[in-house]
Amino acid sequence: VPSVETDANFFDIGGDSMKAMEVILRVSEV
């Protein structure tokens, strides 16, 4: 998505458990 609001719910804007895992991996890397 082009942008994300800081108070948006991850699961309400298209996130799921697998995408959450991808975020966790990227947070670890970045």
mmCIF file of all heavy atoms, coordinates in Angstrom:
data_MODEL
# 
_entry.id   MODEL 
# 
loop_
_atom_site.group_PDB 
_atom_site.id 
_atom_site.type_symbol 
_atom_site.label_atom_id 
_atom_site.label_alt_id 
_atom_site.label_comp_id 
_atom_site.label_asym_id 
_atom_site.label_entity_id 
_atom_site.label_seq_id 
_atom_site.pdbx_PDB_ins_code 
_atom_site.Cartn_x 
_atom_site.Cartn_y 
_atom_site.Cartn_z 
_atom_site.occupancy 
_atom_site.B_iso_or_equiv 
_atom_site.pdbx_formal_charge 
_atom_site.auth_seq_id 
_atom_site.auth_comp_id 
_atom_site.auth_asym_id 
_atom_site.auth_atom_id 
_atom_site.pdbx_PDB_model_num 
ATOM 1   N N   . VAL A 1 1  ? 0.866  -1.179  0.000  1.00 0.00 ? 1  VAL A N   1 
ATOM 2   C CA  . VAL A 1 1  ? 0.000  0.000   0.000  1.00 0.00 ? 1  VAL A CA  1 
ATOM 3   C C   . VAL A 1 1  ? 0.901  1.227   0.000  1.00 0.00 ? 1  VAL A C   1 
ATOM 4   O O   . VAL A 1 1  ? 2.048  1.168   0.444  1.00 0.00 ? 1  VAL A O   1 
ATOM 5   C CB  . VAL A 1 1  ? -0.952 0.022   1.215  1.00 0.00 ? 1  VAL A CB  1 
ATOM 6   C CG1 . VAL A 1 1  ? -1.927 -1.143  1.167  1.00 0.00 ? 1  VAL A CG1 1 
ATOM 7   C CG2 . VAL A 1 1  ? -0.186 0.012   2.534  1.00 0.00 ? 1  VAL A CG2 1 
ATOM 8   N N   . PRO A 1 2  ? 0.395  2.360   -0.503 1.00 0.00 ? 2  PRO A N   1 
ATOM 9   C CA  . PRO A 1 2  ? 1.247  3.543   -0.581 1.00 0.00 ? 2  PRO A CA  1 
ATOM 10  C C   . PRO A 1 2  ? 1.584  4.159   0.774  1.00 0.00 ? 2  PRO A C   1 
ATOM 11  O O   . PRO A 1 2  ? 2.637  4.760   0.939  1.00 0.00 ? 2  PRO A O   1 
ATOM 12  C CB  . PRO A 1 2  ? 0.442  4.522   -1.435 1.00 0.00 ? 2  PRO A CB  1 
ATOM 13  C CG  . PRO A 1 2  ? -0.957 4.043   -1.385 1.00 0.00 ? 2  PRO A CG  1 
ATOM 14  C CD  . PRO A 1 2  ? -0.910 2.572   -1.126 1.00 0.00 ? 2  PRO A CD  1 
ATOM 15  N N   . SER A 1 3  ? 0.691  4.040   1.754  1.00 0.00 ? 3  SER A N   1 
ATOM 16  C CA  . SER A 1 3  ? 0.944  4.650   3.049  1.00 0.00 ? 3  SER A CA  1 
ATOM 17  C C   . SER A 1 3  ? 0.190  3.894   4.145  1.00 0.00 ? 3  SER A C   1 
ATOM 18  O O   . SER A 1 3  ? -0.750 3.154   3.870  1.00 0.00 ? 3  SER A O   1 
ATOM 19  C CB  . SER A 1 3  ? 0.529  6.116   3.047  1.00 0.00 ? 3  SER A CB  1 
ATOM 20  O OG  . SER A 1 3  ? -0.865 6.206   2.807  1.00 0.00 ? 3  SER A OG  1 
ATOM 21  N N   . VAL A 1 4  ? 0.637  4.108   5.384  1.00 0.00 ? 4  VAL A N   1 
ATOM 22  C CA  . VAL A 1 4  ? 0.020  3.447   6.535  1.00 0.00 ? 4  VAL A CA  1 
ATOM 23  C C   . VAL A 1 4  ? -0.121 4.472   7.658  1.00 0.00 ? 4  VAL A C   1 
ATOM 24  O O   . VAL A 1 4  ? 0.835  5.182   7.977  1.00 0.00 ? 4  VAL A O   1 
ATOM 25  C CB  . VAL A 1 4  ? 0.900  2.268   7.029  1.00 0.00 ? 4  VAL A CB  1 
ATOM 26  C CG1 . VAL A 1 4  ? 0.357  1.687   8.312  1.00 0.00 ? 4  VAL A CG1 1 
ATOM 27  C CG2 . VAL A 1 4  ? 1.004  1.198   5.965  1.00 0.00 ? 4  VAL A CG2 1 
ATOM 28  N N   . GLU A 1 5  ? -1.302 4.572   8.234  1.00 0.00 ? 5  GLU A N   1 
ATOM 29  C CA  . GLU A 1 5  ? -1.501 5.438   9.396  1.00 0.00 ? 5  GLU A CA  1 
ATOM 30  C C   . GLU A 1 5  ? -0.956 4.721   10.624 1.00 0.00 ? 5  GLU A C   1 
ATOM 31  O O   . GLU A 1 5  ? -1.086 3.505   10.752 1.00 0.00 ? 5  GLU A O   1 
ATOM 32  C CB  . GLU A 1 5  ? -2.983 5.748   9.575  1.00 0.00 ? 5  GLU A CB  1 
ATOM 33  C CG  . GLU A 1 5  ? -3.552 6.591   8.444  1.00 0.00 ? 5  GLU A CG  1 
ATOM 34  C CD  . GLU A 1 5  ? -5.007 6.949   8.663  1.00 0.00 ? 5  GLU A CD  1 
ATOM 35  O OE1 . GLU A 1 5  ? -5.443 7.001   9.831  1.00 0.00 ? 5  GLU A OE1 1 
ATOM 36  O OE2 . GLU A 1 5  ? -5.695 7.167   7.658  1.00 0.00 ? 5  GLU A OE2 1 
ATOM 37  N N   . THR A 1 6  ? -0.364 5.477   11.537 1.00 0.00 ? 6  THR A N   1 
ATOM 38  C CA  . THR A 1 6  ? 0.291  4.862   12.693 1.00 0.00 ? 6  THR A CA  1 
ATOM 39  C C   . THR A 1 6  ? -0.693 4.217   13.666 1.00 0.00 ? 6  THR A C   1 
ATOM 40  O O   . THR A 1 6  ? -0.306 3.367   14.450 1.00 0.00 ? 6  THR A O   1 
ATOM 41  C CB  . THR A 1 6  ? 1.152  5.892   13.463 1.00 0.00 ? 6  THR A CB  1 
ATOM 42  O OG1 . THR A 1 6  ? 0.322  6.982   13.866 1.00 0.00 ? 6  THR A OG1 1 
ATOM 43  C CG2 . THR A 1 6  ? 2.302  6.382   12.597 1.00 0.00 ? 6  THR A CG2 1 
ATOM 44  N N   . ASP A 1 7  ? -1.975 4.595   13.586 1.00 0.00 ? 7  ASP A N   1 
ATOM 45  C CA  . ASP A 1 7  ? -2.967 3.982   14.479 1.00 0.00 ? 7  ASP A CA  1 
ATOM 46  C C   . ASP A 1 7  ? -3.857 2.961   13.761 1.00 0.00 ? 7  ASP A C   1 
ATOM 47  O O   . ASP A 1 7  ? -4.815 2.448   14.330 1.00 0.00 ? 7  ASP A O   1 
ATOM 48  C CB  . ASP A 1 7  ? -3.827 5.057   15.149 1.00 0.00 ? 7  ASP A CB  1 
ATOM 49  C CG  . ASP A 1 7  ? -4.634 5.876   14.148 1.00 0.00 ? 7  ASP A CG  1 
ATOM 50  O OD1 . ASP A 1 7  ? -4.332 5.822   12.936 1.00 0.00 ? 7  ASP A OD1 1 
ATOM 51  O OD2 . ASP A 1 7  ? -5.565 6.579   14.580 1.00 0.00 ? 7  ASP A OD2 1 
ATOM 52  N N   . ALA A 1 8  ? -3.521 2.629   12.510 1.00 0.00 ? 8  ALA A N   1 
ATOM 53  C CA  . ALA A 1 8  ? -4.305 1.650   11.748 1.00 0.00 ? 8  ALA A CA  1 
ATOM 54  C C   . ALA A 1 8  ? -4.054 0.244   12.285 1.00 0.00 ? 8  ALA A C   1 
ATOM 55  O O   . ALA A 1 8  ? -2.940 -0.098  12.675 1.00 0.00 ? 8  ALA A O   1 
ATOM 56  C CB  . ALA A 1 8  ? -3.944 1.714   10.269 1.00 0.00 ? 8  ALA A CB  1 
ATOM 57  N N   . ASN A 1 9  ? -5.102 -0.571  12.312 1.00 0.00 ? 9  ASN A N   1 
ATOM 58  C CA  . ASN A 1 9  ? -4.997 -1.957  12.739 1.00 0.00 ? 9  ASN A CA  1 
ATOM 59  C C   . ASN A 1 9  ? -4.453 -2.788  11.580 1.00 0.00 ? 9  ASN A C   1 
ATOM 60  O O   . ASN A 1 9  ? -5.026 -2.804  10.493 1.00 0.00 ? 9  ASN A O   1 
ATOM 61  C CB  . ASN A 1 9  ? -6.370 -2.481  13.166 1.00 0.00 ? 9  ASN A CB  1 
ATOM 62  C CG  . ASN A 1 9  ? -6.327 -3.903  13.679 1.00 0.00 ? 9  ASN A CG  1 
ATOM 63  O OD1 . ASN A 1 9  ? -5.872 -4.825  13.002 1.00 0.00 ? 9  ASN A OD1 1 
ATOM 64  N ND2 . ASN A 1 9  ? -6.819 -4.097  14.887 1.00 0.00 ? 9  ASN A ND2 1 
ATOM 65  N N   . PHE A 1 10 ? -3.338 -3.458  11.814 1.00 0.00 ? 10 PHE A N   1 
ATOM 66  C CA  . PHE A 1 10 ? -2.647 -4.241  10.782 1.00 0.00 ? 10 PHE A CA  1 
ATOM 67  C C   . PHE A 1 10 ? -3.589 -5.208  10.076 1.00 0.00 ? 10 PHE A C   1 
ATOM 68  O O   . PHE A 1 10 ? -3.563 -5.341  8.857  1.00 0.00 ? 10 PHE A O   1 
ATOM 69  C CB  . PHE A 1 10 ? -1.489 -5.012  11.434 1.00 0.00 ? 10 PHE A CB  1 
ATOM 70  C CG  . PHE A 1 10 ? -0.671 -5.826  10.486 1.00 0.00 ? 10 PHE A CG  1 
ATOM 71  C CD1 . PHE A 1 10 ? 0.268  -5.236  9.663  1.00 0.00 ? 10 PHE A CD1 1 
ATOM 72  C CD2 . PHE A 1 10 ? -0.815 -7.208  10.425 1.00 0.00 ? 10 PHE A CD2 1 
ATOM 73  C CE1 . PHE A 1 10 ? 1.043  -5.992  8.792  1.00 0.00 ? 10 PHE A CE1 1 
ATOM 74  C CE2 . PHE A 1 10 ? -0.056 -7.973  9.568  1.00 0.00 ? 10 PHE A CE2 1 
ATOM 75  C CZ  . PHE A 1 10 ? 0.878  -7.364  8.745  1.00 0.00 ? 10 PHE A CZ  1 
ATOM 76  N N   . PHE A 1 11 ? -4.433 -5.886  10.836 1.00 0.00 ? 11 PHE A N   1 
ATOM 77  C CA  . PHE A 1 11 ? -5.308 -6.908  10.270 1.00 0.00 ? 11 PHE A CA  1 
ATOM 78  C C   . PHE A 1 11 ? -6.490 -6.294  9.517  1.00 0.00 ? 11 PHE A C   1 
ATOM 79  O O   . PHE A 1 11 ? -7.046 -6.916  8.619  1.00 0.00 ? 11 PHE A O   1 
ATOM 80  C CB  . PHE A 1 11 ? -5.769 -7.876  11.356 1.00 0.00 ? 11 PHE A CB  1 
ATOM 81  C CG  . PHE A 1 11 ? -4.608 -8.580  12.014 1.00 0.00 ? 11 PHE A CG  1 
ATOM 82  C CD1 . PHE A 1 11 ? -4.189 -8.224  13.287 1.00 0.00 ? 11 PHE A CD1 1 
ATOM 83  C CD2 . PHE A 1 11 ? -3.899 -9.568  11.343 1.00 0.00 ? 11 PHE A CD2 1 
ATOM 84  C CE1 . PHE A 1 11 ? -3.099 -8.850  13.883 1.00 0.00 ? 11 PHE A CE1 1 
ATOM 85  C CE2 . PHE A 1 11 ? -2.808 -10.196 11.925 1.00 0.00 ? 11 PHE A CE2 1 
ATOM 86  C CZ  . PHE A 1 11 ? -2.415 -9.833  13.202 1.00 0.00 ? 11 PHE A CZ  1 
ATOM 87  N N   . ASP A 1 12 ? -6.860 -5.066  9.858  1.00 0.00 ? 12 ASP A N   1 
ATOM 88  C CA  . ASP A 1 12 ? -7.955 -4.389  9.161  1.00 0.00 ? 12 ASP A CA  1 
ATOM 89  C C   . ASP A 1 12 ? -7.524 -3.795  7.822  1.00 0.00 ? 12 ASP A C   1 
ATOM 90  O O   . ASP A 1 12 ? -8.363 -3.496  6.982  1.00 0.00 ? 12 ASP A O   1 
ATOM 91  C CB  . ASP A 1 12 ? -8.542 -3.267  10.031 1.00 0.00 ? 12 ASP A CB  1 
ATOM 92  C CG  . ASP A 1 12 ? -9.294 -3.795  11.241 1.00 0.00 ? 12 ASP A CG  1 
ATOM 93  O OD1 . ASP A 1 12 ? -9.633 -5.000  11.261 1.00 0.00 ? 12 ASP A OD1 1 
ATOM 94  O OD2 . ASP A 1 12 ? -9.533 -2.993  12.176 1.00 0.00 ? 12 ASP A OD2 1 
ATOM 95  N N   . ILE A 1 13 ? -6.221 -3.595  7.636  1.00 0.00 ? 13 ILE A N   1 
ATOM 96  C CA  . ILE A 1 13 ? -5.756 -2.973  6.382  1.00 0.00 ? 13 ILE A CA  1 
ATOM 97  C C   . ILE A 1 13 ? -5.099 -3.979  5.447  1.00 0.00 ? 13 ILE A C   1 
ATOM 98  O O   . ILE A 1 13 ? -4.331 -3.621  4.574  1.00 0.00 ? 13 ILE A O   1 
ATOM 99  C CB  . ILE A 1 13 ? -4.829 -1.774  6.652  1.00 0.00 ? 13 ILE A CB  1 
ATOM 100 C CG1 . ILE A 1 13 ? -3.576 -2.193  7.435  1.00 0.00 ? 13 ILE A CG1 1 
ATOM 101 C CG2 . ILE A 1 13 ? -5.568 -0.658  7.358  1.00 0.00 ? 13 ILE A CG2 1 
ATOM 102 C CD1 . ILE A 1 13 ? -2.536 -1.092  7.583  1.00 0.00 ? 13 ILE A CD1 1 
ATOM 103 N N   . GLY A 1 14 ? -5.398 -5.265  5.660  1.00 0.00 ? 14 GLY A N   1 
ATOM 104 C CA  . GLY A 1 14 ? -4.929 -6.283  4.721  1.00 0.00 ? 14 GLY A CA  1 
ATOM 105 C C   . GLY A 1 14 ? -3.892 -7.232  5.269  1.00 0.00 ? 14 GLY A C   1 
ATOM 106 O O   . GLY A 1 14 ? -3.442 -8.127  4.563  1.00 0.00 ? 14 GLY A O   1 
ATOM 107 N N   . GLY A 1 15 ? -3.507 -7.070  6.524  1.00 0.00 ? 15 GLY A N   1 
ATOM 108 C CA  . GLY A 1 15 ? -2.515 -7.962  7.116  1.00 0.00 ? 15 GLY A CA  1 
ATOM 109 C C   . GLY A 1 15 ? -3.119 -9.289  7.536  1.00 0.00 ? 15 GLY A C   1 
ATOM 110 O O   . GLY A 1 15 ? -4.321 -9.383  7.781  1.00 0.00 ? 15 GLY A O   1 
ATOM 111 N N   . ASP A 1 16 ? -2.290 -10.307 7.595  1.00 0.00 ? 16 ASP A N   1 
ATOM 112 C CA  . ASP A 1 16 ? -2.689 -11.611 8.106  1.00 0.00 ? 16 ASP A CA  1 
ATOM 113 C C   . ASP A 1 16 ? -1.494 -12.184 8.870  1.00 0.00 ? 16 ASP A C   1 
ATOM 114 O O   . ASP A 1 16 ? -0.451 -11.528 8.973  1.00 0.00 ? 16 ASP A O   1 
ATOM 115 C CB  . ASP A 1 16 ? -3.158 -12.550 6.987  1.00 0.00 ? 16 ASP A CB  1 
ATOM 116 C CG  . ASP A 1 16 ? -2.104 -12.750 5.896  1.00 0.00 ? 16 ASP A CG  1 
ATOM 117 O OD1 . ASP A 1 16 ? -0.895 -12.720 6.195  1.00 0.00 ? 16 ASP A OD1 1 
ATOM 118 O OD2 . ASP A 1 16 ? -2.492 -12.966 4.734  1.00 0.00 ? 16 ASP A OD2 1 
ATOM 119 N N   . SER A 1 17 ? -1.632 -13.374 9.397  1.00 0.00 ? 17 SER A N   1 
ATOM 120 C CA  . SER A 1 17 ? -0.570 -13.939 10.230 1.00 0.00 ? 17 SER A CA  1 
ATOM 121 C C   . SER A 1 17 ? 0.731  -14.136 9.454  1.00 0.00 ? 17 SER A C   1 
ATOM 122 O O   . SER A 1 17 ? 1.818  -13.920 9.991  1.00 0.00 ? 17 SER A O   1 
ATOM 123 C CB  . SER A 1 17 ? -1.021 -15.254 10.867 1.00 0.00 ? 17 SER A CB  1 
ATOM 124 O OG  . SER A 1 17 ? -1.391 -16.181 9.872  1.00 0.00 ? 17 SER A OG  1 
ATOM 125 N N   . MET A 1 18 ? 0.648  -14.513 8.193  1.00 0.00 ? 18 MET A N   1 
ATOM 126 C CA  . MET A 1 18 ? 1.863  -14.708 7.410  1.00 0.00 ? 18 MET A CA  1 
ATOM 127 C C   . MET A 1 18 ? 2.550  -13.366 7.118  1.00 0.00 ? 18 MET A C   1 
ATOM 128 O O   . MET A 1 18 ? 3.771  -13.257 7.156  1.00 0.00 ? 18 MET A O   1 
ATOM 129 C CB  . MET A 1 18 ? 1.558  -15.451 6.103  1.00 0.00 ? 18 MET A CB  1 
ATOM 130 C CG  . MET A 1 18 ? 1.037  -16.865 6.333  1.00 0.00 ? 18 MET A CG  1 
ATOM 131 S SD  . MET A 1 18 ? 2.081  -17.858 7.422  1.00 0.00 ? 18 MET A SD  1 
ATOM 132 C CE  . MET A 1 18 ? 3.457  -18.158 6.367  1.00 0.00 ? 18 MET A CE  1 
ATOM 133 N N   . LYS A 1 19 ? 1.764  -12.348 6.845  1.00 0.00 ? 19 LYS A N   1 
ATOM 134 C CA  . LYS A 1 19 ? 2.345  -11.020 6.617  1.00 0.00 ? 19 LYS A CA  1 
ATOM 135 C C   . LYS A 1 19 ? 2.922  -10.467 7.920  1.00 0.00 ? 19 LYS A C   1 
ATOM 136 O O   . LYS A 1 19 ? 3.922  -9.754  7.894  1.00 0.00 ? 19 LYS A O   1 
ATOM 137 C CB  . LYS A 1 19 ? 1.309  -10.085 6.014  1.00 0.00 ? 19 LYS A CB  1 
ATOM 138 C CG  . LYS A 1 19 ? 0.993  -10.445 4.565  1.00 0.00 ? 19 LYS A CG  1 
ATOM 139 C CD  . LYS A 1 19 ? -0.052 -9.547  3.966  1.00 0.00 ? 19 LYS A CD  1 
ATOM 140 C CE  . LYS A 1 19 ? -0.336 -10.008 2.533  1.00 0.00 ? 19 LYS A CE  1 
ATOM 141 N NZ  . LYS A 1 19 ? -1.459 -9.308  1.940  1.00 0.00 ? 19 LYS A NZ  1 
ATOM 142 N N   . ALA A 1 20 ? 2.302  -10.779 9.044  1.00 0.00 ? 20 ALA A N   1 
ATOM 143 C CA  . ALA A 1 20 ? 2.852  -10.366 10.341 1.00 0.00 ? 20 ALA A CA  1 
ATOM 144 C C   . ALA A 1 20 ? 4.228  -10.993 10.538 1.00 0.00 ? 20 ALA A C   1 
ATOM 145 O O   . ALA A 1 20 ? 5.151  -10.334 11.029 1.00 0.00 ? 20 ALA A O   1 
ATOM 146 C CB  . ALA A 1 20 ? 1.909  -10.767 11.473 1.00 0.00 ? 20 ALA A CB  1 
ATOM 147 N N   . MET A 1 21 ? 4.384  -12.242 10.134 1.00 0.00 ? 21 MET A N   1 
ATOM 148 C CA  . MET A 1 21 ? 5.682  -12.909 10.247 1.00 0.00 ? 21 MET A CA  1 
ATOM 149 C C   . MET A 1 21 ? 6.716  -12.226 9.351  1.00 0.00 ? 21 MET A C   1 
ATOM 150 O O   . MET A 1 21 ? 7.873  -12.080 9.730  1.00 0.00 ? 21 MET A O   1 
ATOM 151 C CB  . MET A 1 21 ? 5.566  -14.397 9.884  1.00 0.00 ? 21 MET A CB  1 
ATOM 152 C CG  . MET A 1 21 ? 4.652  -15.186 10.791 1.00 0.00 ? 21 MET A CG  1 
ATOM 153 S SD  . MET A 1 21 ? 4.968  -14.975 12.533 1.00 0.00 ? 21 MET A SD  1 
ATOM 154 C CE  . MET A 1 21 ? 6.654  -15.426 12.640 1.00 0.00 ? 21 MET A CE  1 
ATOM 155 N N   . GLU A 1 22 ? 6.286  -11.796 8.177  1.00 0.00 ? 22 GLU A N   1 
ATOM 156 C CA  . GLU A 1 22 ? 7.197  -11.084 7.275  1.00 0.00 ? 22 GLU A CA  1 
ATOM 157 C C   . GLU A 1 22 ? 7.623  -9.753  7.895  1.00 0.00 ? 22 GLU A C   1 
ATOM 158 O O   . GLU A 1 22 ? 8.787  -9.364  7.824  1.00 0.00 ? 22 GLU A O   1 
ATOM 159 C CB  . GLU A 1 22 ? 6.535  -10.856 5.912  1.00 0.00 ? 22 GLU A CB  1 
ATOM 160 C CG  . GLU A 1 22 ? 7.470  -10.267 4.891  1.00 0.00 ? 22 GLU A CG  1 
ATOM 161 C CD  . GLU A 1 22 ? 6.844  -10.125 3.509  1.00 0.00 ? 22 GLU A CD  1 
ATOM 162 O OE1 . GLU A 1 22 ? 5.801  -10.735 3.234  1.00 0.00 ? 22 GLU A OE1 1 
ATOM 163 O OE2 . GLU A 1 22 ? 7.433  -9.384  2.697  1.00 0.00 ? 22 GLU A OE2 1 
ATOM 164 N N   . VAL A 1 23 ? 6.673  -9.055  8.532  1.00 0.00 ? 23 VAL A N   1 
ATOM 165 C CA  . VAL A 1 23 ? 7.007  -7.803  9.211  1.00 0.00 ? 23 VAL A CA  1 
ATOM 166 C C   . VAL A 1 23 ? 8.017  -8.061  10.321 1.00 0.00 ? 23 VAL A C   1 
ATOM 167 O O   . VAL A 1 23 ? 9.000  -7.334  10.466 1.00 0.00 ? 23 VAL A O   1 
ATOM 168 C CB  . VAL A 1 23 ? 5.740  -7.118  9.770  1.00 0.00 ? 23 VAL A CB  1 
ATOM 169 C CG1 . VAL A 1 23 ? 6.107  -5.991  10.732 1.00 0.00 ? 23 VAL A CG1 1 
ATOM 170 C CG2 . VAL A 1 23 ? 4.864  -6.592  8.633  1.00 0.00 ? 23 VAL A CG2 1 
ATOM 171 N N   . ILE A 1 24 ? 7.799  -9.099  11.107 1.00 0.00 ? 24 ILE A N   1 
ATOM 172 C CA  . ILE A 1 24 ? 8.710  -9.431  12.209 1.00 0.00 ? 24 ILE A CA  1 
ATOM 173 C C   . ILE A 1 24 ? 10.117 -9.688  11.677 1.00 0.00 ? 24 ILE A C   1 
ATOM 174 O O   . ILE A 1 24 ? 11.108 -9.203  12.235 1.00 0.00 ? 24 ILE A O   1 
ATOM 175 C CB  . ILE A 1 24 ? 8.181  -10.632 13.007 1.00 0.00 ? 24 ILE A CB  1 
ATOM 176 C CG1 . ILE A 1 24 ? 6.973  -10.199 13.841 1.00 0.00 ? 24 ILE A CG1 1 
ATOM 177 C CG2 . ILE A 1 24 ? 9.262  -11.232 13.905 1.00 0.00 ? 24 ILE A CG2 1 
ATOM 178 C CD1 . ILE A 1 24 ? 6.225  -11.328 14.511 1.00 0.00 ? 24 ILE A CD1 1 
ATOM 179 N N   . LEU A 1 25 ? 10.220 -10.417 10.591 1.00 0.00 ? 25 LEU A N   1 
ATOM 180 C CA  . LEU A 1 25 ? 11.525 -10.684 9.985  1.00 0.00 ? 25 LEU A CA  1 
ATOM 181 C C   . LEU A 1 25 ? 12.183 -9.384  9.512  1.00 0.00 ? 25 LEU A C   1 
ATOM 182 O O   . LEU A 1 25 ? 13.356 -9.149  9.768  1.00 0.00 ? 25 LEU A O   1 
ATOM 183 C CB  . LEU A 1 25 ? 11.378 -11.663 8.813  1.00 0.00 ? 25 LEU A CB  1 
ATOM 184 C CG  . LEU A 1 25 ? 12.653 -11.957 8.029  1.00 0.00 ? 25 LEU A CG  1 
ATOM 185 C CD1 . LEU A 1 25 ? 13.663 -12.664 8.920  1.00 0.00 ? 25 LEU A CD1 1 
ATOM 186 C CD2 . LEU A 1 25 ? 12.340 -12.796 6.811  1.00 0.00 ? 25 LEU A CD2 1 
ATOM 187 N N   . ARG A 1 26 ? 11.423 -8.532  8.860  1.00 0.00 ? 26 ARG A N   1 
ATOM 188 C CA  . ARG A 1 26 ? 11.977 -7.273  8.364  1.00 0.00 ? 26 ARG A CA  1 
ATOM 189 C C   . ARG A 1 26 ? 12.352 -6.339  9.508  1.00 0.00 ? 26 ARG A C   1 
ATOM 190 O O   . ARG A 1 26 ? 13.335 -5.615  9.425  1.00 0.00 ? 26 ARG A O   1 
ATOM 191 C CB  . ARG A 1 26 ? 10.982 -6.594  7.419  1.00 0.00 ? 26 ARG A CB  1 
ATOM 192 C CG  . ARG A 1 26 ? 10.552 -7.513  6.286  1.00 0.00 ? 26 ARG A CG  1 
ATOM 193 C CD  . ARG A 1 26 ? 10.878 -7.193  4.877  1.00 0.00 ? 26 ARG A CD  1 
ATOM 194 N NE  . ARG A 1 26 ? 11.262 -5.910  4.489  1.00 0.00 ? 26 ARG A NE  1 
ATOM 195 C CZ  . ARG A 1 26 ? 10.540 -5.107  3.707  1.00 0.00 ? 26 ARG A CZ  1 
ATOM 196 N NH1 . ARG A 1 26 ? 9.360  -5.494  3.267  1.00 0.00 ? 26 ARG A NH1 1 
ATOM 197 N NH2 . ARG A 1 26 ? 11.009 -3.948  3.336  1.00 0.00 ? 26 ARG A NH2 1 
ATOM 198 N N   . VAL A 1 27 ? 11.573 -6.337  10.596 1.00 0.00 ? 27 VAL A N   1 
ATOM 199 C CA  . VAL A 1 27 ? 11.921 -5.526  11.770 1.00 0.00 ? 27 VAL A CA  1 
ATOM 200 C C   . VAL A 1 27 ? 13.256 -5.994  12.337 1.00 0.00 ? 27 VAL A C   1 
ATOM 201 O O   . VAL A 1 27 ? 14.105 -5.189  12.708 1.00 0.00 ? 27 VAL A O   1 
ATOM 202 C CB  . VAL A 1 27 ? 10.805 -5.582  12.840 1.00 0.00 ? 27 VAL A CB  1 
ATOM 203 C CG1 . VAL A 1 27 ? 11.290 -5.057  14.188 1.00 0.00 ? 27 VAL A CG1 1 
ATOM 204 C CG2 . VAL A 1 27 ? 9.580  -4.807  12.373 1.00 0.00 ? 27 VAL A CG2 1 
ATOM 205 N N   . SER A 1 28 ? 13.448 -7.309  12.365 1.00 0.00 ? 28 SER A N   1 
ATOM 206 C CA  . SER A 1 28 ? 14.712 -7.855  12.851 1.00 0.00 ? 28 SER A CA  1 
ATOM 207 C C   . SER A 1 28 ? 15.875 -7.393  11.973 1.00 0.00 ? 28 SER A C   1 
ATOM 208 O O   . SER A 1 28 ? 16.925 -6.999  12.474 1.00 0.00 ? 28 SER A O   1 
ATOM 209 C CB  . SER A 1 28 ? 14.645 -9.381  12.882 1.00 0.00 ? 28 SER A CB  1 
ATOM 210 O OG  . SER A 1 28 ? 15.862 -9.927  13.305 1.00 0.00 ? 28 SER A OG  1 
ATOM 211 N N   . GLU A 1 29 ? 15.680 -7.409  10.662 1.00 0.00 ? 29 GLU A N   1 
ATOM 212 C CA  . GLU A 1 29 ? 16.732 -7.017  9.722  1.00 0.00 ? 29 GLU A CA  1 
ATOM 213 C C   . GLU A 1 29 ? 17.002 -5.509  9.746  1.00 0.00 ? 29 GLU A C   1 
ATOM 214 O O   . GLU A 1 29 ? 18.144 -5.087  9.710  1.00 0.00 ? 29 GLU A O   1 
ATOM 215 C CB  . GLU A 1 29 ? 16.350 -7.424  8.292  1.00 0.00 ? 29 GLU A CB  1 
ATOM 216 C CG  . GLU A 1 29 ? 16.312 -8.913  8.062  1.00 0.00 ? 29 GLU A CG  1 
ATOM 217 C CD  . GLU A 1 29 ? 15.694 -9.293  6.723  1.00 0.00 ? 29 GLU A CD  1 
ATOM 218 O OE1 . GLU A 1 29 ? 15.104 -8.415  6.046  1.00 0.00 ? 29 GLU A OE1 1 
ATOM 219 O OE2 . GLU A 1 29 ? 15.775 -10.477 6.354  1.00 0.00 ? 29 GLU A OE2 1 
ATOM 220 N N   . VAL A 1 30 ? 15.937 -4.706  9.802  1.00 0.00 ? 30 VAL A N   1 
ATOM 221 C CA  . VAL A 1 30 ? 16.068 -3.258  9.669  1.00 0.00 ? 30 VAL A CA  1 
ATOM 222 C C   . VAL A 1 30 ? 16.324 -2.566  11.007 1.00 0.00 ? 30 VAL A C   1 
ATOM 223 O O   . VAL A 1 30 ? 17.206 -1.728  11.127 1.00 0.00 ? 30 VAL A O   1 
ATOM 224 C CB  . VAL A 1 30 ? 14.808 -2.655  8.991  1.00 0.00 ? 30 VAL A CB  1 
ATOM 225 C CG1 . VAL A 1 30 ? 14.850 -1.144  8.982  1.00 0.00 ? 30 VAL A CG1 1 
ATOM 226 C CG2 . VAL A 1 30 ? 14.666 -3.196  7.579  1.00 0.00 ? 30 VAL A CG2 1 
# 
